[in-house]
PDB file of N, CA and C in Angstrom:
ATOM      1  N   MET A   1     -38.823 -23.455  11.344  1.00  0.00           N
ATOM      2  CA  MET A   1     -38.439 -24.856  11.192  1.00  0.00           C
ATOM      3  C   MET A   1     -37.083 -25.062  11.871  1.00  0.00           C
ATOM      4  N   PRO A   2     -36.970 -26.108  12.709  1.00  0.00           N
ATOM      5  CA  PRO A   2     -35.678 -26.380  13.369  1.00  0.00           C
ATOM      6  C   PRO A   2     -34.601 -26.748  12.339  1.00  0.00           C
ATOM      7  N   SER A   3     -33.351 -26.553  12.718  1.00  0.00           N
ATOM      8  CA  SER A   3     -32.238 -26.946  11.856  1.00  0.00           C
ATOM      9  C   SER A   3     -32.142 -28.472  11.815  1.00  0.00           C
ATOM     10  N   ILE A   4     -31.446 -28.985  10.823  1.00  0.00           N
ATOM     11  CA  ILE A   4     -31.248 -30.442  10.740  1.00  0.00           C
ATOM     12  C   ILE A   4     -30.484 -30.928  11.974  1.00  0.00           C
ATOM     13  N   ALA A   5     -29.565 -30.125  12.487  1.00  0.00           N
ATOM     14  CA  ALA A   5     -28.817 -30.522  13.688  1.00  0.00           C
ATOM     15  C   ALA A   5     -29.761 -30.675  14.880  1.00  0.00           C
ATOM     16  N   GLU A   6     -30.712 -29.745  15.038  1.00  0.00           N
ATOM     17  CA  GLU A   6     -31.676 -29.828  16.140  1.00  0.00           C
ATOM     18  C   GLU A   6     -32.605 -31.029  15.967  1.00  0.00           C
ATOM     19  N   THR A   7     -33.013 -31.287  14.731  1.00  0.00           N
ATOM     20  CA  THR A   7     -33.915 -32.403  14.464  1.00  0.00           C
ATOM     21  C   THR A   7     -33.222 -33.734  14.715  1.00  0.00           C
ATOM     22  N   VAL A   8     -31.995 -33.874  14.239  1.00  0.00           N
ATOM     23  CA  VAL A   8     -31.246 -35.115  14.467  1.00  0.00           C
ATOM     24  C   VAL A   8     -30.954 -35.279  15.960  1.00  0.00           C
ATOM     25  N   ALA A   9     -30.672 -34.194  16.658  1.00  0.00           N
ATOM     26  CA  ALA A   9     -30.426 -34.278  18.106  1.00  0.00           C
ATOM     27  C   ALA A   9     -31.672 -34.781  18.836  1.00  0.00           C
ATOM     28  N   ALA A  10     -32.856 -34.289  18.457  1.00  0.00           N
ATOM     29  CA  ALA A  10     -34.094 -34.756  19.093  1.00  0.00           C
ATOM     30  C   ALA A  10     -34.322 -36.234  18.790  1.00  0.00           C
ATOM     31  N   TYR A  11     -34.041 -36.653  17.560  1.00  0.00           N
ATOM     32  CA  TYR A  11     -34.152 -38.071  17.172  1.00  0.00           C
ATOM     33  C   TYR A  11     -33.197 -38.919  18.016  1.00  0.00           C
ATOM     34  N   ALA A  12     -31.956 -38.499  18.128  1.00  0.00           N
ATOM     35  CA  ALA A  12     -30.976 -39.243  18.922  1.00  0.00           C
ATOM     36  C   ALA A  12     -31.376 -39.276  20.391  1.00  0.00           C
ATOM     37  N   ASP A  13     -31.870 -38.161  20.901  1.00  0.00           N
ATOM     38  CA  ASP A  13     -32.316 -38.111  22.295  1.00  0.00           C
ATOM     39  C   ASP A  13     -33.450 -39.109  22.537  1.00  0.00           C
ATOM     40  N   ALA A  14     -34.299 -39.314  21.528  1.00  0.00           N
ATOM     41  CA  ALA A  14     -35.402 -40.270  21.671  1.00  0.00           C
ATOM     42  C   ALA A  14     -34.866 -41.675  21.924  1.00  0.00           C
ATOM     43  N   TRP A  15     -33.777 -42.047  21.283  1.00  0.00           N
ATOM     44  CA  TRP A  15     -33.187 -43.374  21.487  1.00  0.00           C
ATOM     45  C   TRP A  15     -32.693 -43.544  22.920  1.00  0.00           C
ATOM     46  N   ASN A  16     -32.302 -42.431  23.552  1.00  0.00           N
ATOM     47  CA  ASN A  16     -31.728 -42.481  24.901  1.00  0.00           C
ATOM     48  C   ASN A  16     -32.738 -42.197  26.005  1.00  0.00           C
ATOM     49  N   GLU A  17     -33.937 -41.784  25.636  1.00  0.00           N
ATOM     50  CA  GLU A  17     -34.935 -41.354  26.624  1.00  0.00           C
ATOM     51  C   GLU A  17     -35.696 -42.550  27.200  1.00  0.00           C
ATOM     52  N   PRO A  18     -35.579 -42.809  28.514  1.00  0.00           N
ATOM     53  CA  PRO A  18     -36.278 -43.950  29.107  1.00  0.00           C
ATOM     54  C   PRO A  18     -37.780 -43.712  29.313  1.00  0.00           C
ATOM     55  N   ASP A  19     -38.202 -42.463  29.429  1.00  0.00           N
ATOM     56  CA  ASP A  19     -39.606 -42.148  29.666  1.00  0.00           C
ATOM     57  C   ASP A  19     -40.369 -42.156  28.335  1.00  0.00           C
ATOM     58  N   ALA A  20     -41.379 -43.022  28.226  1.00  0.00           N
ATOM     59  CA  ALA A  20     -42.113 -43.194  26.967  1.00  0.00           C
ATOM     60  C   ALA A  20     -42.797 -41.909  26.511  1.00  0.00           C
ATOM     61  N   ALA A  21     -43.365 -41.134  27.426  1.00  0.00           N
ATOM     62  CA  ALA A  21     -44.053 -39.892  27.045  1.00  0.00           C
ATOM     63  C   ALA A  21     -43.062 -38.862  26.506  1.00  0.00           C
ATOM     64  N   LYS A  22     -41.912 -38.756  27.148  1.00  0.00           N
ATOM     65  CA  LYS A  22     -40.881 -37.821  26.672  1.00  0.00           C
ATOM     66  C   LYS A  22     -40.322 -38.279  25.330  1.00  0.00           C
ATOM     67  N   ARG A  23     -40.134 -39.592  25.188  1.00  0.00           N
ATOM     68  CA  ARG A  23     -39.641 -40.154  23.922  1.00  0.00           C
ATOM     69  C   ARG A  23     -40.622 -39.835  22.793  1.00  0.00           C
ATOM     70  N   ARG A  24     -41.912 -39.994  23.045  1.00  0.00           N
ATOM     71  CA  ARG A  24     -42.932 -39.680  22.046  1.00  0.00           C
ATOM     72  C   ARG A  24     -42.874 -38.201  21.652  1.00  0.00           C
ATOM     73  N   LYS A  25     -42.731 -37.325  22.643  1.00  0.00           N
ATOM     74  CA  LYS A  25     -42.668 -35.891  22.355  1.00  0.00           C
ATOM     75  C   LYS A  25     -41.469 -35.568  21.466  1.00  0.00           C
ATOM     76  N   LEU A  26     -40.329 -36.183  21.747  1.00  0.00           N
ATOM     77  CA  LEU A  26     -39.139 -35.972  20.917  1.00  0.00           C
ATOM     78  C   LEU A  26     -39.378 -36.432  19.483  1.00  0.00           C
ATOM     79  N   LEU A  27     -39.971 -37.618  19.327  1.00  0.00           N
ATOM     80  CA  LEU A  27     -40.214 -38.126  17.978  1.00  0.00           C
ATOM     81  C   LEU A  27     -41.335 -37.377  17.274  1.00  0.00           C
ATOM     82  N   ASP A  28     -42.312 -36.869  18.008  1.00  0.00           N
ATOM     83  CA  ASP A  28     -43.338 -36.038  17.381  1.00  0.00           C
ATOM     84  C   ASP A  28     -42.692 -34.835  16.694  1.00  0.00           C
ATOM     85  N   ALA A  29     -41.685 -34.275  17.324  1.00  0.00           N
ATOM     86  CA  ALA A  29     -40.995 -33.108  16.765  1.00  0.00           C
ATOM     87  C   ALA A  29     -40.026 -33.476  15.657  1.00  0.00           C
ATOM     88  N   ALA A  30     -39.407 -34.657  15.742  1.00  0.00           N
ATOM     89  CA  ALA A  30     -38.302 -34.986  14.840  1.00  0.00           C
ATOM     90  C   ALA A  30     -38.653 -35.949  13.708  1.00  0.00           C
ATOM     91  N   TRP A  31     -39.689 -36.749  13.859  1.00  0.00           N
ATOM     92  CA  TRP A  31     -39.925 -37.867  12.948  1.00  0.00           C
ATOM     93  C   TRP A  31     -41.233 -37.683  12.185  1.00  0.00           C
ATOM     94  N   ALA A  32     -41.181 -37.787  10.861  1.00  0.00           N
ATOM     95  CA  ALA A  32     -42.388 -37.688  10.042  1.00  0.00           C
ATOM     96  C   ALA A  32     -43.345 -38.825  10.396  1.00  0.00           C
ATOM     97  N   ASP A  33     -44.643 -38.558  10.277  1.00  0.00           N
ATOM     98  CA  ASP A  33     -45.662 -39.563  10.627  1.00  0.00           C
ATOM     99  C   ASP A  33     -45.408 -40.894   9.938  1.00  0.00           C
ATOM    100  N   ASP A  34     -45.011 -40.835   8.668  1.00  0.00           N
ATOM    101  CA  ASP A  34     -44.818 -42.051   7.873  1.00  0.00           C
ATOM    102  C   ASP A  34     -43.344 -42.347   7.605  1.00  0.00           C
ATOM    103  N   GLY A  35     -42.458 -41.806   8.431  1.00  0.00           N
ATOM    104  CA  GLY A  35     -41.025 -42.027   8.252  1.00  0.00           C
ATOM    105  C   GLY A  35     -40.651 -43.499   8.352  1.00  0.00           C
ATOM    106  N   THR A  36     -39.566 -43.867   7.671  1.00  0.00           N
ATOM    107  CA  THR A  36     -39.090 -45.252   7.726  1.00  0.00           C
ATOM    108  C   THR A  36     -37.696 -45.302   8.329  1.00  0.00           C
ATOM    109  N   TYR A  37     -37.475 -46.354   9.108  1.00  0.00           N
ATOM    110  CA  TYR A  37     -36.186 -46.600   9.757  1.00  0.00           C
ATOM    111  C   TYR A  37     -35.732 -47.993   9.355  1.00  0.00           C
ATOM    112  N   THR A  38     -34.500 -48.091   8.878  1.00  0.00           N
ATOM    113  CA  THR A  38     -33.955 -49.384   8.456  1.00  0.00           C
ATOM    114  C   THR A  38     -32.525 -49.506   8.967  1.00  0.00           C
ATOM    115  N   ASP A  39     -32.218 -50.633   9.597  1.00  0.00           N
ATOM    116  CA  ASP A  39     -30.841 -50.965   9.949  1.00  0.00           C
ATOM    117  C   ASP A  39     -30.650 -52.457   9.676  1.00  0.00           C
ATOM    118  N   PRO A  40     -29.476 -53.013   9.922  1.00  0.00           N
ATOM    119  CA  PRO A  40     -29.271 -54.433   9.601  1.00  0.00           C
ATOM    120  C   PRO A  40     -30.212 -55.405  10.329  1.00  0.00           C
ATOM    121  N   THR A  41     -30.850 -54.950  11.401  1.00  0.00           N
ATOM    122  CA  THR A  41     -31.707 -55.853  12.179  1.00  0.00           C
ATOM    123  C   THR A  41     -33.195 -55.577  12.046  1.00  0.00           C
ATOM    124  N   ALA A  42     -33.560 -54.445  11.426  1.00  0.00           N
ATOM    125  CA  ALA A  42     -34.980 -54.066  11.432  1.00  0.00           C
ATOM    126  C   ALA A  42     -35.330 -53.127  10.292  1.00  0.00           C
ATOM    127  N   HIS A  43     -36.603 -53.140   9.939  1.00  0.00           N
ATOM    128  CA  HIS A  43     -37.194 -52.128   9.049  1.00  0.00           C
ATOM    129  C   HIS A  43     -38.557 -51.803   9.642  1.00  0.00           C
ATOM    130  N   VAL A  44     -38.760 -50.541  10.008  1.00  0.00           N
ATOM    131  CA  VAL A  44     -40.049 -50.133  10.570  1.00  0.00           C
ATOM    132  C   VAL A  44     -40.579 -48.936   9.806  1.00  0.00           C
ATOM    133  N   GLU A  45     -41.901 -48.871   9.714  1.00  0.00           N
ATOM    134  CA  GLU A  45     -42.564 -47.796   8.984  1.00  0.00           C
ATOM    135  C   GLU A  45     -43.521 -47.068   9.914  1.00  0.00           C
ATOM    136  N   GLY A  46     -43.350 -45.748  10.009  1.00  0.00           N
ATOM    137  CA  GLY A  46     -44.224 -44.924  10.824  1.00  0.00           C
ATOM    138  C   GLY A  46     -43.659 -44.665  12.209  1.00  0.00           C
ATOM    139  N   ARG A  47     -44.125 -43.567  12.801  1.00  0.00           N
ATOM    140  CA  ARG A  47     -43.632 -43.155  14.113  1.00  0.00           C
ATOM    141  C   ARG A  47     -43.982 -44.161  15.199  1.00  0.00           C
ATOM    142  N   GLU A  48     -45.194 -44.714  15.152  1.00  0.00           N
ATOM    143  CA  GLU A  48     -45.599 -45.680  16.187  1.00  0.00           C
ATOM    144  C   GLU A  48     -44.687 -46.904  16.164  1.00  0.00           C
ATOM    145  N   ALA A  49     -44.365 -47.381  14.974  1.00  0.00           N
ATOM    146  CA  ALA A  49     -43.481 -48.545  14.853  1.00  0.00           C
ATOM    147  C   ALA A  49     -42.076 -48.215  15.358  1.00  0.00           C
ATOM    148  N   LEU A  50     -41.601 -46.997  15.084  1.00  0.00           N
ATOM    149  CA  LEU A  50     -40.282 -46.606  15.582  1.00  0.00           C
ATOM    150  C   LEU A  50     -40.291 -46.495  17.099  1.00  0.00           C
ATOM    151  N   LEU A  51     -41.353 -45.947  17.667  1.00  0.00           N
ATOM    152  CA  LEU A  51     -41.461 -45.885  19.128  1.00  0.00           C
ATOM    153  C   LEU A  51     -41.382 -47.281  19.739  1.00  0.00           C
ATOM    154  N   ALA A  52     -42.085 -48.233  19.149  1.00  0.00           N
ATOM    155  CA  ALA A  52     -42.057 -49.614  19.649  1.00  0.00           C
ATOM    156  C   ALA A  52     -40.664 -50.220  19.483  1.00  0.00           C
ATOM    157  N   HIS A  53     -40.009 -49.939  18.370  1.00  0.00           N
ATOM    158  CA  HIS A  53     -38.664 -50.479  18.119  1.00  0.00           C
ATOM    159  C   HIS A  53     -37.667 -49.928  19.146  1.00  0.00           C
ATOM    160  N   ILE A  54     -37.746 -48.630  19.409  1.00  0.00           N
ATOM    161  CA  ILE A  54     -36.840 -48.032  20.393  1.00  0.00           C
ATOM    162  C   ILE A  54     -37.103 -48.604  21.786  1.00  0.00           C
ATOM    163  N   ALA A  55     -38.364 -48.796  22.154  1.00  0.00           N
ATOM    164  CA  ALA A  55     -38.693 -49.384  23.461  1.00  0.00           C
ATOM    165  C   ALA A  55     -38.112 -50.788  23.571  1.00  0.00           C
ATOM    166  N   ALA A  56     -38.206 -51.568  22.499  1.00  0.00           N
ATOM    167  CA  ALA A  56     -37.644 -52.923  22.504  1.00  0.00           C
ATOM    168  C   ALA A  56     -36.123 -52.870  22.623  1.00  0.00           C
ATOM    169  N   PHE A  57     -35.488 -51.942  21.923  1.00  0.00           N
ATOM    170  CA  PHE A  57     -34.038 -51.770  22.023  1.00  0.00           C
ATOM    171  C   PHE A  57     -33.644 -51.470  23.473  1.00  0.00           C
ATOM    172  N   GLN A  58     -34.386 -50.561  24.116  1.00  0.00           N
ATOM    173  CA  GLN A  58     -34.051 -50.196  25.490  1.00  0.00           C
ATOM    174  C   GLN A  58     -34.235 -51.366  26.452  1.00  0.00           C
ATOM    175  N   GLN A  59     -35.218 -52.213  26.197  1.00  0.00           N
ATOM    176  CA  GLN A  59     -35.397 -53.402  27.040  1.00  0.00           C
ATOM    177  C   GLN A  59     -34.256 -54.399  26.828  1.00  0.00           C
ATOM    178  N   GLN A  60     -33.811 -54.508  25.590  1.00  0.00           N
ATOM    179  CA  GLN A  60     -32.741 -55.448  25.238  1.00  0.00           C
ATOM    180  C   GLN A  60     -31.372 -54.969  25.735  1.00  0.00           C
ATOM    181  N   MET A  61     -31.177 -53.644  25.743  1.00  0.00           N
ATOM    182  CA  MET A  61     -29.882 -53.060  26.098  1.00  0.00           C
ATOM    183  C   MET A  61     -30.074 -52.004  27.196  1.00  0.00           C
ATOM    184  N   PRO A  62     -30.485 -52.419  28.403  1.00  0.00           N
ATOM    185  CA  PRO A  62     -30.740 -51.431  29.462  1.00  0.00           C
ATOM    186  C   PRO A  62     -29.501 -50.582  29.742  1.00  0.00           C
ATOM    187  N   GLY A  63     -29.726 -49.288  29.809  1.00  0.00           N
ATOM    188  CA  GLY A  63     -28.634 -48.367  30.116  1.00  0.00           C
ATOM    189  C   GLY A  63     -27.773 -47.977  28.937  1.00  0.00           C
ATOM    190  N   ALA A  64     -28.006 -48.562  27.772  1.00  0.00           N
ATOM    191  CA  ALA A  64     -27.210 -48.211  26.591  1.00  0.00           C
ATOM    192  C   ALA A  64     -27.536 -46.787  26.154  1.00  0.00           C
ATOM    193  N   ARG A  65     -26.539 -46.114  25.611  1.00  0.00           N
ATOM    194  CA  ARG A  65     -26.696 -44.739  25.128  1.00  0.00           C
ATOM    195  C   ARG A  65     -26.110 -44.649  23.726  1.00  0.00           C
ATOM    196  N   ILE A  66     -26.769 -43.890  22.876  1.00  0.00           N
ATOM    197  CA  ILE A  66     -26.259 -43.648  21.535  1.00  0.00           C
ATOM    198  C   ILE A  66     -25.816 -42.194  21.479  1.00  0.00           C
ATOM    199  N   ARG A  67     -24.592 -41.987  21.012  1.00  0.00           N
ATOM    200  CA  ARG A  67     -24.031 -40.639  20.945  1.00  0.00           C
ATOM    201  C   ARG A  67     -23.475 -40.387  19.559  1.00  0.00           C
ATOM    202  N   GLY A  68     -23.722 -39.203  19.043  1.00  0.00           N
ATOM    203  CA  GLY A  68     -23.140 -38.816  17.770  1.00  0.00           C
ATOM    204  C   GLY A  68     -21.630 -38.712  17.884  1.00  0.00           C
ATOM    205  N   THR A  69     -20.931 -39.108  16.824  1.00  0.00           N
ATOM    206  CA  THR A  69     -19.470 -39.044  16.821  1.00  0.00           C
ATOM    207  C   THR A  69     -18.944 -38.185  15.679  1.00  0.00           C
ATOM    208  N   SER A  70     -19.856 -37.527  14.965  1.00  0.00           N
ATOM    209  CA  SER A  70     -19.457 -36.638  13.875  1.00  0.00           C
ATOM    210  C   SER A  70     -20.452 -35.494  13.799  1.00  0.00           C
ATOM    211  N   GLY A  71     -20.125 -34.547  12.955  1.00  0.00           N
ATOM    212  CA  GLY A  71     -21.106 -33.534  12.595  1.00  0.00           C
ATOM    213  C   GLY A  71     -22.094 -34.158  11.618  1.00  0.00           C
ATOM    214  N   ILE A  72     -23.013 -33.340  11.145  1.00  0.00           N
ATOM    215  CA  ILE A  72     -24.021 -33.805  10.201  1.00  0.00           C
ATOM    216  C   ILE A  72     -23.696 -33.208   8.844  1.00  0.00           C
ATOM    217  N   ASP A  73     -23.489 -34.073   7.867  1.00  0.00           N
ATOM    218  CA  ASP A  73     -23.189 -33.686   6.496  1.00  0.00           C
ATOM    219  C   ASP A  73     -24.521 -33.627   5.751  1.00  0.00           C
ATOM    220  N   VAL A  74     -24.850 -32.474   5.153  1.00  0.00           N
ATOM    221  CA  VAL A  74     -26.176 -32.272   4.561  1.00  0.00           C
ATOM    222  C   VAL A  74     -26.057 -31.727   3.143  1.00  0.00           C
ATOM    223  N   HIS A  75     -26.885 -32.253   2.255  1.00  0.00           N
ATOM    224  CA  HIS A  75     -27.104 -31.628   0.949  1.00  0.00           C
ATOM    225  C   HIS A  75     -28.401 -32.145   0.341  1.00  0.00           C
ATOM    226  N   HIS A  76     -29.116 -31.275  -0.336  1.00  0.00           N
ATOM    227  CA  HIS A  76     -30.330 -31.621  -1.087  1.00  0.00           C
ATOM    228  C   HIS A  76     -31.342 -32.437  -0.283  1.00  0.00           C
ATOM    229  N   GLY A  77     -31.513 -32.084   0.976  1.00  0.00           N
ATOM    230  CA  GLY A  77     -32.488 -32.795   1.801  1.00  0.00           C
ATOM    231  C   GLY A  77     -32.037 -34.164   2.259  1.00  0.00           C
ATOM    232  N   ARG A  78     -30.769 -34.482   2.041  1.00  0.00           N
ATOM    233  CA  ARG A  78     -30.186 -35.749   2.502  1.00  0.00           C
ATOM    234  C   ARG A  78     -29.092 -35.433   3.506  1.00  0.00           C
ATOM    235  N   PHE A  79     -28.793 -36.388   4.368  1.00  0.00           N
ATOM    236  CA  PHE A  79     -27.772 -36.151   5.381  1.00  0.00           C
ATOM    237  C   PHE A  79     -27.141 -37.472   5.802  1.00  0.00           C
ATOM    238  N   ARG A  80     -26.019 -37.347   6.501  1.00  0.00           N
ATOM    239  CA  ARG A  80     -25.356 -38.507   7.106  1.00  0.00           C
ATOM    240  C   ARG A  80     -24.617 -38.046   8.354  1.00  0.00           C
ATOM    241  N   PHE A  81     -24.452 -39.000   9.283  1.00  0.00           N
ATOM    242  CA  PHE A  81     -23.686 -38.742  10.497  1.00  0.00           C
ATOM    243  C   PHE A  81     -23.259 -40.090  11.068  1.00  0.00           C
ATOM    244  N   THR A  82     -22.215 -40.069  11.880  1.00  0.00           N
ATOM    245  CA  THR A  82     -21.755 -41.289  12.532  1.00  0.00           C
ATOM    246  C   THR A  82     -22.121 -41.242  14.006  1.00  0.00           C
ATOM    247  N   TRP A  83     -22.151 -42.419  14.618  1.00  0.00           N
ATOM    248  CA  TRP A  83     -22.572 -42.544  16.008  1.00  0.00           C
ATOM    249  C   TRP A  83     -21.877 -43.752  16.640  1.00  0.00           C
ATOM    250  N   ALA A  84     -21.970 -43.830  17.943  1.00  0.00           N
ATOM    251  CA  ALA A  84     -21.481 -44.994  18.693  1.00  0.00           C
ATOM    252  C   ALA A  84     -22.510 -45.329  19.764  1.00  0.00           C
ATOM    253  N   MET A  85     -22.717 -46.624  19.967  1.00  0.00           N
ATOM    254  CA  MET A  85     -23.582 -47.080  21.052  1.00  0.00           C
ATOM    255  C   MET A  85     -22.680 -47.539  22.188  1.00  0.00           C
ATOM    256  N   HIS A  86     -22.951 -46.987  23.379  1.00  0.00           N
ATOM    257  CA  HIS A  86     -22.194 -47.322  24.581  1.00  0.00           C
ATOM    258  C   HIS A  86     -23.080 -48.152  25.498  1.00  0.00           C
ATOM    259  N   ASP A  87     -22.503 -49.180  26.126  1.00  0.00           N
ATOM    260  CA  ASP A  87     -23.284 -49.968  27.087  1.00  0.00           C
ATOM    261  C   ASP A  87     -23.421 -49.182  28.392  1.00  0.00           C
ATOM    262  N   ALA A  88     -24.091 -49.761  29.353  1.00  0.00           N
ATOM    263  CA  ALA A  88     -24.366 -49.077  30.622  1.00  0.00           C
ATOM    264  C   ALA A  88     -23.081 -48.685  31.358  1.00  0.00           C
ATOM    265  N   GLN A  89     -21.975 -49.391  31.086  1.00  0.00           N
ATOM    266  CA  GLN A  89     -20.696 -49.072  31.726  1.00  0.00           C
ATOM    267  C   GLN A  89     -19.911 -48.025  30.939  1.00  0.00           C
ATOM    268  N   GLY A  90     -20.410 -47.621  29.757  1.00  0.00           N
ATOM    269  CA  GLY A  90     -19.742 -46.600  28.956  1.00  0.00           C
ATOM    270  C   GLY A  90     -18.840 -47.127  27.870  1.00  0.00           C
ATOM    271  N   SER A  91     -18.714 -48.453  27.742  1.00  0.00           N
ATOM    272  CA  SER A  91     -17.871 -49.029  26.695  1.00  0.00           C
ATOM    273  C   SER A  91     -18.604 -49.009  25.356  1.00  0.00           C
ATOM    274  N   VAL A  92     -17.862 -48.747  24.293  1.00  0.00           N
ATOM    275  CA  VAL A  92     -18.451 -48.753  22.957  1.00  0.00           C
ATOM    276  C   VAL A  92     -18.781 -50.193  22.561  1.00  0.00           C
ATOM    277  N   VAL A  93     -20.038 -50.412  22.187  1.00  0.00           N
ATOM    278  CA  VAL A  93     -20.522 -51.728  21.763  1.00  0.00           C
ATOM    279  C   VAL A  93     -20.476 -51.836  20.249  1.00  0.00           C
ATOM    280  N   VAL A  94     -20.902 -50.791  19.578  1.00  0.00           N
ATOM    281  CA  VAL A  94     -20.913 -50.777  18.117  1.00  0.00           C
ATOM    282  C   VAL A  94     -20.882 -49.327  17.656  1.00  0.00           C
ATOM    283  N   GLU A  95     -20.255 -49.117  16.518  1.00  0.00           N
ATOM    284  CA  GLU A  95     -20.268 -47.813  15.866  1.00  0.00           C
ATOM    285  C   GLU A  95     -20.996 -47.957  14.542  1.00  0.00           C
ATOM    286  N   GLY A  96     -21.472 -46.859  14.015  1.00  0.00           N
ATOM    287  CA  GLY A  96     -22.177 -46.946  12.751  1.00  0.00           C
ATOM    288  C   GLY A  96     -22.323 -45.608  12.070  1.00  0.00           C
ATOM    289  N   ILE A  97     -23.001 -45.650  10.938  1.00  0.00           N
ATOM    290  CA  ILE A  97     -23.300 -44.451  10.166  1.00  0.00           C
ATOM    291  C   ILE A  97     -24.755 -44.518   9.730  1.00  0.00           C
ATOM    292  N   ASP A  98     -25.420 -43.387   9.824  1.00  0.00           N
ATOM    293  CA  ASP A  98     -26.799 -43.272   9.374  1.00  0.00           C
ATOM    294  C   ASP A  98     -26.854 -42.312   8.197  1.00  0.00           C
ATOM    295  N   PHE A  99     -27.648 -42.692   7.216  1.00  0.00           N
ATOM    296  CA  PHE A  99     -27.972 -41.839   6.081  1.00  0.00           C
ATOM    297  C   PHE A  99     -29.447 -41.526   6.179  1.00  0.00           C
ATOM    298  N   GLY A 100     -29.829 -40.310   5.853  1.00  0.00           N
ATOM    299  CA  GLY A 100     -31.233 -39.962   5.995  1.00  0.00           C
ATOM    300  C   GLY A 100     -31.722 -38.976   4.969  1.00  0.00           C
ATOM    301  N   GLU A 101     -33.018 -38.746   5.057  1.00  0.00           N
ATOM    302  CA  GLU A 101     -33.709 -37.829   4.167  1.00  0.00           C
ATOM    303  C   GLU A 101     -34.744 -37.075   4.994  1.00  0.00           C
ATOM    304  N   THR A 102     -34.902 -35.791   4.701  1.00  0.00           N
ATOM    305  CA  THR A 102     -35.891 -35.002   5.422  1.00  0.00           C
ATOM    306  C   THR A 102     -37.180 -34.885   4.612  1.00  0.00           C
ATOM    307  N   ALA A 103     -38.282 -34.718   5.335  1.00  0.00           N
ATOM    308  CA  ALA A 103     -39.586 -34.459   4.725  1.00  0.00           C
ATOM    309  C   ALA A 103     -39.689 -32.957   4.432  1.00  0.00           C
ATOM    310  N   ALA A 104     -40.727 -32.563   3.732  1.00  0.00           N
ATOM    311  CA  ALA A 104     -40.924 -31.158   3.380  1.00  0.00           C
ATOM    312  C   ALA A 104     -41.011 -30.258   4.610  1.00  0.00           C
ATOM    313  N   ASP A 105     -41.514 -30.798   5.733  1.00  0.00           N
ATOM    314  CA  ASP A 105     -41.640 -29.993   6.953  1.00  0.00           C
ATOM    315  C   ASP A 105     -40.376 -29.985   7.808  1.00  0.00           C
ATOM    316  N   GLY A 106     -39.304 -30.625   7.320  1.00  0.00           N
ATOM    317  CA  GLY A 106     -38.029 -30.632   8.029  1.00  0.00           C
ATOM    318  C   GLY A 106     -37.829 -31.791   8.977  1.00  0.00           C
ATOM    319  N   ARG A 107     -38.892 -32.556   9.242  1.00  0.00           N
ATOM    320  CA  ARG A 107     -38.730 -33.740  10.097  1.00  0.00           C
ATOM    321  C   ARG A 107     -38.063 -34.857   9.296  1.00  0.00           C
ATOM    322  N   LEU A 108     -37.623 -35.883   9.978  1.00  0.00           N
ATOM    323  CA  LEU A 108     -36.915 -36.987   9.334  1.00  0.00           C
ATOM    324  C   LEU A 108     -37.907 -37.922   8.666  1.00  0.00           C
ATOM    325  N   ALA A 109     -37.691 -38.165   7.381  1.00  0.00           N
ATOM    326  CA  ALA A 109     -38.565 -39.044   6.603  1.00  0.00           C
ATOM    327  C   ALA A 109     -37.982 -40.433   6.449  1.00  0.00           C
ATOM    328  N   ARG A 110     -36.651 -40.531   6.551  1.00  0.00           N
ATOM    329  CA  ARG A 110     -36.023 -41.837   6.380  1.00  0.00           C
ATOM    330  C   ARG A 110     -34.641 -41.841   7.016  1.00  0.00           C
ATOM    331  N   ILE A 111     -34.358 -42.936   7.689  1.00  0.00           N
ATOM    332  CA  ILE A 111     -33.010 -43.226   8.191  1.00  0.00           C
ATOM    333  C   ILE A 111     -32.660 -44.627   7.730  1.00  0.00           C
ATOM    334  N   VAL A 112     -31.471 -44.763   7.163  1.00  0.00           N
ATOM    335  CA  VAL A 112     -30.909 -46.075   6.836  1.00  0.00           C
ATOM    336  C   VAL A 112     -29.568 -46.134   7.551  1.00  0.00           C
ATOM    337  N   GLY A 113     -29.455 -47.072   8.487  1.00  0.00           N
ATOM    338  CA  GLY A 113     -28.253 -47.175   9.300  1.00  0.00           C
ATOM    339  C   GLY A 113     -27.439 -48.404   8.965  1.00  0.00           C
ATOM    340  N   PHE A 114     -26.138 -48.259   9.117  1.00  0.00           N
ATOM    341  CA  PHE A 114     -25.194 -49.365   8.929  1.00  0.00           C
ATOM    342  C   PHE A 114     -24.353 -49.482  10.189  1.00  0.00           C
ATOM    343  N   PHE A 115     -24.059 -50.714  10.591  1.00  0.00           N
ATOM    344  CA  PHE A 115     -23.260 -50.979  11.778  1.00  0.00           C
ATOM    345  C   PHE A 115     -21.830 -51.289  11.361  1.00  0.00           C
ATOM    346  N   GLY A 116     -20.873 -50.745  12.099  1.00  0.00           N
ATOM    347  CA  GLY A 116     -19.466 -51.043  11.876  1.00  0.00           C
ATOM    348  C   GLY A 116     -18.924 -50.349  10.642  1.00  0.00           C
ATOM    349  N   PRO A 117     -17.627 -50.578  10.386  1.00  0.00           N
ATOM    350  CA  PRO A 117     -17.003 -49.952   9.226  1.00  0.00           C
ATOM    351  C   PRO A 117     -17.411 -50.682   7.941  1.00  0.00           C
ATOM    352  N   PRO A 118     -17.268 -50.002   6.802  1.00  0.00           N
ATOM    353  CA  PRO A 118     -17.551 -50.677   5.534  1.00  0.00           C
ATOM    354  C   PRO A 118     -16.614 -51.880   5.363  1.00  0.00           C
ATOM    355  N   PRO A 119     -17.060 -52.879   4.597  1.00  0.00           N
ATOM    356  CA  PRO A 119     -16.198 -54.036   4.382  1.00  0.00           C
ATOM    357  C   PRO A 119     -14.947 -53.654   3.591  1.00  0.00           C
ATOM    358  N   ILE A 120     -13.895 -54.397   3.799  1.00  0.00           N
ATOM    359  CA  ILE A 120     -12.634 -54.177   3.078  1.00  0.00           C
ATOM    360  C   ILE A 120     -12.817 -54.669   1.642  1.00  0.00           C
ATOM    361  N   ALA A 121     -12.292 -53.871   0.705  1.00  0.00           N
ATOM    362  CA  ALA A 121     -12.412 -54.218  -0.728  1.00  0.00           C
ATOM    363  C   ALA A 121     -11.572 -55.444  -1.049  1.00  0.00           C
TER     364      ALA A 121
END
């Protein structure tokens, strides 16, 4: 079974992969069949829905890249990491944090993402 770091890297690579067949291969390895993805703009269920969501993101933001900005904090099958989305020119567009859960086979079962810093108390 791949490490959580390898699995999250394959998931992140899928967001950046322009080739649909390669993107599918990455998500086949990293994403549970019935995994759920939720962020402030979307909630999708299943790998096919995530593939479609990523394709739509790439059409909306051509050349954008998502890069991890932290290590992966893991405990009890849950994890979190931070990331930044860069536009085609390399400027940071948005930063965020993802929280997730792994399935029994080590693939990602759930990601819940937040954009920007937490609100001020």
